[in-house]
Protein backbone atom coordinates (compact mmCIF):
# COMPACT_ATOMS: atom_id res chain seq x y z
CA MET A 1 -101.05 3.40 -22.60
CA LEU A 2 -99.96 6.71 -21.06
CA ALA A 3 -96.71 8.55 -21.62
CA PRO A 4 -94.45 9.33 -18.63
CA ASN A 5 -96.09 12.77 -18.44
CA GLY A 6 -99.47 11.10 -17.86
CA LEU A 7 -100.89 12.01 -21.27
CA PHE A 8 -102.15 9.79 -24.09
CA VAL A 9 -99.68 8.16 -26.51
CA ILE A 10 -100.79 9.32 -29.96
CA ASN A 11 -99.17 6.42 -31.82
CA ARG A 12 -101.77 4.10 -30.29
CA LEU A 13 -104.29 5.63 -32.72
CA LYS A 14 -102.61 3.77 -35.58
CA ASN A 15 -104.04 0.45 -34.44
CA GLU A 16 -107.85 0.40 -34.43
CA THR A 17 -107.90 -2.77 -32.29
CA PHE A 18 -106.96 -0.44 -29.42
CA ARG A 19 -109.97 1.80 -30.07
CA ASN A 20 -112.10 0.93 -27.06
CA GLU A 21 -109.17 1.26 -24.67
CA ASN A 22 -108.04 4.46 -26.38
CA LEU A 23 -111.48 6.03 -26.13
CA SER A 24 -111.72 5.15 -22.45
CA VAL A 25 -108.38 6.82 -21.73
CA ILE A 26 -109.12 9.88 -23.90
CA ARG A 27 -112.46 10.39 -22.17
CA SER A 28 -110.85 10.04 -18.75
CA LEU A 29 -108.32 12.74 -19.62
CA ALA A 30 -110.88 15.13 -21.15
CA LEU A 31 -111.34 18.38 -19.27
CA SER A 32 -112.64 21.85 -19.99
CA GLN A 33 -112.11 25.26 -18.39
CA TYR A 34 -114.08 28.40 -19.24
CA GLN A 35 -111.77 31.25 -20.25
CA GLY A 36 -114.30 34.07 -20.58
CA ASN A 37 -115.40 35.81 -23.75
CA GLN A 38 -117.48 32.74 -24.73
CA GLN A 39 -114.37 30.57 -25.05
CA ALA A 40 -113.16 27.48 -23.25
CA VAL A 41 -109.94 25.50 -23.38
CA CYS A 42 -110.25 21.72 -23.36
CA ARG A 43 -107.97 18.70 -23.60
CA VAL A 44 -108.49 16.63 -26.75
CA LEU A 45 -107.05 13.23 -27.67
CA GLY A 46 -105.79 13.00 -24.13
CA LYS A 47 -102.97 15.40 -24.94
CA TYR A 48 -103.58 18.65 -26.84
CA LEU A 49 -105.10 21.80 -25.38
CA MET A 50 -107.68 23.32 -27.71
CA PHE A 51 -109.65 26.55 -27.58
CA VAL A 52 -113.32 26.26 -28.57
CA SER A 53 -116.45 28.40 -28.56
CA THR A 54 -118.84 27.77 -25.67
CA LEU A 55 -121.72 28.74 -27.98
CA ASP A 56 -120.96 25.76 -30.20
CA GLU A 57 -123.60 23.07 -29.60
CA ARG A 58 -122.00 20.43 -31.85
CA LEU A 59 -118.27 19.99 -32.28
CA GLY A 60 -117.36 22.28 -29.39
CA VAL A 61 -119.48 20.29 -26.94
CA GLN A 62 -118.07 16.96 -28.15
CA LEU A 63 -114.50 18.13 -27.76
CA GLN A 64 -115.12 19.53 -24.29
CA MET A 65 -117.00 16.50 -22.96
CA ASN A 66 -115.43 13.56 -24.82
CA GLY A 67 -112.08 14.86 -26.06
CA PHE A 68 -112.30 13.46 -29.59
CA TRP A 69 -114.16 13.74 -32.88
CA GLU A 70 -114.80 11.15 -35.63
CA MET A 71 -112.44 8.52 -34.27
CA ASN A 72 -112.44 6.49 -37.50
CA ILE A 73 -111.17 9.56 -39.39
CA THR A 74 -108.72 10.34 -36.59
CA GLU A 75 -107.29 6.82 -36.85
CA PHE A 76 -107.06 7.01 -40.66
CA ILE A 77 -105.01 10.18 -40.40
CA ALA A 78 -102.80 8.63 -37.72
CA ARG A 79 -102.04 5.68 -40.03
CA ASN A 80 -101.46 7.70 -43.21
CA VAL A 81 -99.65 10.84 -42.07
CA SER A 82 -96.05 10.32 -41.06
CA ASP A 83 -92.79 12.01 -40.17
CA GLY A 84 -91.50 14.63 -42.61
CA MET A 85 -94.72 15.05 -44.58
CA THR A 86 -96.19 18.33 -45.74
CA VAL A 87 -99.94 18.26 -45.18
CA VAL A 88 -102.86 20.60 -45.80
CA ASP A 89 -106.00 20.77 -43.65
CA VAL A 90 -108.63 22.41 -45.88
CA GLY A 91 -111.51 23.43 -43.62
CA ALA A 92 -109.56 23.17 -40.37
CA ASN A 93 -112.34 24.36 -38.04
CA TYR A 94 -110.82 24.41 -34.51
CA GLY A 95 -107.66 22.70 -35.74
CA TYR A 96 -108.36 19.30 -34.18
CA PHE A 97 -106.86 17.41 -37.12
CA SER A 98 -104.20 20.10 -37.63
CA MET A 99 -102.83 19.55 -34.11
CA LEU A 100 -102.79 15.79 -34.63
CA MET A 101 -100.97 16.13 -37.96
CA ALA A 102 -98.49 18.61 -36.49
CA GLU A 103 -97.30 15.86 -34.15
CA LEU A 104 -97.45 13.06 -36.71
CA THR A 105 -95.30 14.95 -39.23
CA GLY A 106 -92.51 15.49 -36.71
CA SER A 107 -89.87 18.20 -36.60
CA ALA A 108 -89.24 18.09 -40.36
CA GLY A 109 -92.91 18.22 -41.37
CA ARG A 110 -95.24 21.10 -42.09
CA VAL A 111 -98.98 21.71 -41.65
CA HIS A 112 -101.03 24.30 -43.53
CA ALA A 113 -104.38 24.92 -41.81
CA LEU A 114 -106.95 26.66 -44.03
CA GLU A 115 -110.02 28.10 -42.32
CA ALA A 116 -112.38 30.73 -43.77
CA ASN A 117 -114.02 31.68 -40.46
CA PRO A 118 -111.81 34.40 -38.88
CA PHE A 119 -112.98 33.57 -35.33
CA LEU A 120 -112.00 29.91 -35.75
CA SER A 121 -108.69 30.91 -37.33
CA ARG A 122 -107.85 32.95 -34.23
CA LEU A 123 -108.68 29.98 -32.01
CA ILE A 124 -106.41 27.72 -34.10
CA LEU A 125 -103.60 30.23 -33.54
CA LYS A 126 -104.18 30.20 -29.78
CA SER A 127 -104.25 26.40 -29.72
CA SER A 128 -101.12 26.09 -31.84
CA ARG A 129 -99.25 28.39 -29.46
CA VAL A 130 -100.26 26.62 -26.27
CA ASN A 131 -99.26 23.26 -27.78
CA GLY A 132 -95.93 24.53 -29.10
CA PHE A 133 -96.97 24.19 -32.75
CA ASP A 134 -97.02 27.88 -33.67
CA ARG A 135 -93.89 27.50 -35.83
CA LYS A 136 -95.19 24.27 -37.31
CA ILE A 137 -98.74 25.18 -38.34
CA ASN A 138 -99.23 27.83 -41.01
CA ILE A 139 -102.75 29.26 -40.57
CA ILE A 140 -104.42 30.70 -43.66
CA ASN A 141 -107.70 32.61 -43.17
CA GLN A 142 -109.11 32.15 -46.67
CA ALA A 143 -111.79 30.10 -48.40
CA ILE A 144 -110.91 27.62 -51.14
CA SER A 145 -112.41 27.78 -54.62
CA ASP A 146 -111.43 27.16 -58.24
CA HIS A 147 -109.94 30.63 -58.69
CA SER A 148 -108.30 33.37 -56.65
CA GLY A 149 -108.49 37.05 -55.89
CA GLU A 150 -112.19 37.58 -55.20
CA GLU A 151 -114.01 38.39 -51.98
CA LEU A 152 -117.18 36.40 -51.34
CA GLU A 153 -119.67 36.19 -48.51
CA PHE A 154 -119.09 33.47 -45.94
CA VAL A 155 -122.00 32.54 -43.64
CA TYR A 156 -122.15 30.57 -40.38
CA SER A 157 -123.96 30.21 -37.07
CA ASP A 158 -122.50 30.48 -33.58
CA GLU A 159 -124.28 27.26 -32.60
CA SER A 160 -122.52 25.21 -35.31
CA PRO A 161 -119.53 27.08 -36.78
CA MET A 162 -118.23 23.82 -38.27
CA ASN A 163 -120.96 24.10 -40.92
CA GLY A 164 -119.98 27.56 -42.14
CA LEU A 165 -119.83 27.87 -45.92
CA LEU A 166 -119.69 30.23 -48.85
CA ALA A 167 -123.05 31.95 -49.33
CA GLU A 168 -123.17 30.79 -52.96
CA ASN A 169 -123.58 27.21 -51.69
CA VAL A 170 -126.75 27.82 -49.67
CA SER A 171 -130.28 28.96 -50.53
CA GLU A 172 -131.59 32.32 -49.34
CA GLN A 173 -134.18 30.61 -47.15
CA ALA A 174 -131.62 28.35 -45.50
CA ARG A 175 -129.33 31.31 -45.02
CA GLU A 176 -132.05 33.31 -43.25
CA ASN A 177 -133.02 30.37 -41.04
CA HIS A 178 -129.67 28.84 -40.18
CA TYR A 179 -126.75 31.15 -41.01
CA PRO A 180 -127.22 34.52 -39.29
CA ASN A 181 -123.55 35.58 -39.38
CA THR A 182 -121.92 36.92 -42.54
CA HIS A 183 -118.51 38.27 -43.40
CA LYS A 184 -116.43 38.78 -46.51
CA VAL A 185 -113.64 36.30 -47.13
CA MET A 186 -110.92 36.15 -49.76
CA ILE A 187 -111.00 33.04 -51.93
CA SER A 188 -107.99 31.27 -53.41
CA SER A 189 -107.28 28.11 -55.34
CA ILE A 190 -104.98 25.44 -53.99
CA ASP A 191 -102.80 25.84 -57.07
CA ASP A 192 -102.25 29.53 -56.35
CA LEU A 193 -101.77 29.15 -52.60
CA PHE A 194 -99.17 26.41 -52.87
CA LYS A 195 -97.44 27.16 -56.15
CA ASN A 196 -94.12 27.49 -54.31
CA GLU A 197 -94.52 24.38 -52.15
CA LYS A 198 -92.03 21.70 -53.15
CA SER A 199 -94.29 18.79 -52.31
CA ILE A 200 -97.59 18.00 -50.60
CA ASP A 201 -98.18 14.50 -49.28
CA PHE A 202 -101.64 14.61 -47.72
CA MET A 203 -104.75 16.79 -47.84
CA LYS A 204 -107.86 16.66 -45.71
CA VAL A 205 -110.75 18.50 -47.38
CA ASP A 206 -114.05 19.32 -45.67
CA ILE A 207 -115.49 22.58 -46.98
CA GLU A 208 -119.26 22.19 -46.99
CA GLY A 209 -120.10 21.83 -50.67
CA SER A 210 -117.04 23.49 -52.22
CA GLU A 211 -115.15 20.22 -52.69
CA ASP A 212 -115.75 20.38 -56.45
CA LYS A 213 -114.23 23.87 -56.58
CA PHE A 214 -111.28 22.58 -54.56
CA TRP A 215 -110.78 19.83 -57.14
CA TYR A 216 -110.92 22.15 -60.15
CA GLY A 217 -108.50 24.55 -58.49
CA SER A 218 -105.87 21.99 -57.51
CA GLN A 219 -105.04 20.40 -60.87
CA ILE A 220 -101.41 21.55 -60.94
CA ILE A 221 -100.75 20.44 -57.36
CA ARG A 222 -102.20 17.00 -58.11
CA LYS A 223 -100.01 16.61 -61.20
CA GLN A 224 -96.93 17.62 -59.22
CA ASN A 225 -97.78 15.27 -56.34
CA PRO A 226 -99.11 12.03 -57.85
CA LYS A 227 -98.62 10.09 -54.59
CA MET A 228 -100.62 12.57 -52.53
CA ILE A 229 -103.51 11.16 -50.48
CA ILE A 230 -106.68 13.26 -50.55
CA LEU A 231 -109.14 12.66 -47.71
CA MET A 232 -112.32 14.42 -48.81
CA GLU A 233 -115.90 14.76 -47.62
CA PHE A 234 -118.41 14.14 -50.39
CA ASN A 235 -122.15 14.50 -50.98
CA ARG A 236 -123.18 14.41 -54.63
CA ALA A 237 -126.29 16.55 -53.98
CA ARG A 238 -124.15 19.58 -53.18
CA TYR A 239 -122.32 20.05 -56.48
CA HIS A 240 -123.45 21.96 -59.58
CA ASN A 241 -122.21 19.38 -62.08
CA VAL A 242 -121.54 16.21 -60.13
CA GLU A 243 -121.03 14.09 -63.27
CA GLN A 244 -118.16 16.31 -64.39
CA PHE A 245 -116.66 16.34 -60.91
CA ILE A 246 -116.71 12.56 -60.55
CA SER A 247 -115.49 11.98 -64.12
CA GLN A 248 -112.42 14.12 -63.52
CA ILE A 249 -111.47 12.07 -60.48
CA TYR A 250 -111.54 8.78 -62.38
CA ASP A 251 -110.14 10.21 -65.62
CA GLU A 252 -107.01 11.20 -63.71
CA GLY A 253 -106.50 7.60 -62.63
CA TYR A 254 -107.46 7.87 -58.98
CA GLY A 255 -108.92 5.09 -56.89
CA VAL A 256 -111.69 6.02 -54.48
CA THR A 257 -112.28 4.32 -51.12
CA GLN A 258 -115.23 5.09 -48.89
CA LEU A 259 -114.19 5.08 -45.25
CA SER A 260 -116.39 3.44 -42.65
CA PHE A 261 -116.50 2.79 -38.91
CA ARG A 262 -113.88 0.04 -39.22
CA LYS A 263 -111.09 -0.46 -41.73
CA SER A 264 -112.51 -3.89 -42.62
CA GLN A 265 -115.65 -2.10 -43.81
CA TYR A 266 -113.89 0.24 -46.25
CA LYS A 267 -115.42 0.04 -49.72
CA GLN A 268 -113.85 0.62 -53.11
CA LEU A 269 -116.18 2.83 -55.15
CA SER A 270 -116.70 2.82 -58.89
CA GLN A 271 -117.76 5.88 -60.83
CA LYS A 272 -121.30 4.48 -60.89
CA ASP A 273 -121.20 3.99 -57.11
CA MET A 274 -120.37 7.64 -56.60
CA LEU A 275 -123.13 8.77 -58.95
CA GLN A 276 -125.63 6.69 -57.00
CA SER A 277 -124.31 7.39 -53.49
CA ASP A 278 -126.72 8.19 -50.69
CA THR A 279 -127.37 11.93 -50.36
CA SER A 280 -128.95 11.79 -46.89
CA HIS A 281 -125.53 12.11 -45.29
CA HIS A 282 -121.96 12.98 -46.18
CA ILE A 283 -119.36 10.30 -46.81
CA MET A 284 -115.61 10.48 -46.37
CA LEU A 285 -113.47 9.38 -49.30
CA ALA A 286 -109.79 8.49 -49.57
CA ILE A 287 -108.70 9.44 -53.10
CA THR A 288 -105.28 8.21 -54.14
CA LYS A 289 -103.21 6.54 -56.85
CA GLY A 290 -101.34 4.55 -54.23
CA LYS A 291 -101.94 2.57 -51.09
CA ILE A 292 -103.76 3.64 -47.96
CA TYR A 293 -103.41 2.19 -44.47
């Protein structure tokens, strides 16, 4: 269960029947040390060292105390990202999934970590260095949209930086009440950012209501990479024209699977299912023309 160096064996994440044992080990190896300047370094997944904000009352606390986040998503990535792949983490946050994918893709693979929040981008850089992934993870401090070359306002709170988003996706009242921090961020489309990338095998997309813009701005990349797996957060209440967004997914021949707590509970979704999906919470979708594991 542990490697000779006493750390967790990441390949165990590929088998969800090990989950309870894995979680017990990961929790036992979790630790956190305050570094000053409202930052701490913690051990996540029983192996990686990760820098987080001590002001963060959500994801940061979970990583410091438990050493993992969304284990069902973590296991999905472990099963579907493999050696030699080029992967993109859109909305990387602290880089939790980026670090995992950096190991899974091996020496020949490549990880692009996209994060609009400049503070979080700097923490990803620190984490990538301390884990020896600084030459493996390409960190891009930009927001993703359906076009490129414009600066827009990005808003977030110190208490929950994982929920930062483009100001155009939030009401003025919500912004005043929940998103006190603002800065300008350059936006780009996936097609423009990766026009010179030979192939992309996997994308994780979690960008707080801009998933439709991601989709519209990645048409060329999808055509060039028909076997690519897209793991995307979805909430139909957040998009300006959800019918158009959903129609494009199915018109391009993709299958859509809603992930759940266990693989046996995964559900294939029809276009009608997506149009009627529950808006009280976000769901995670695997969008692909091939097989998922």
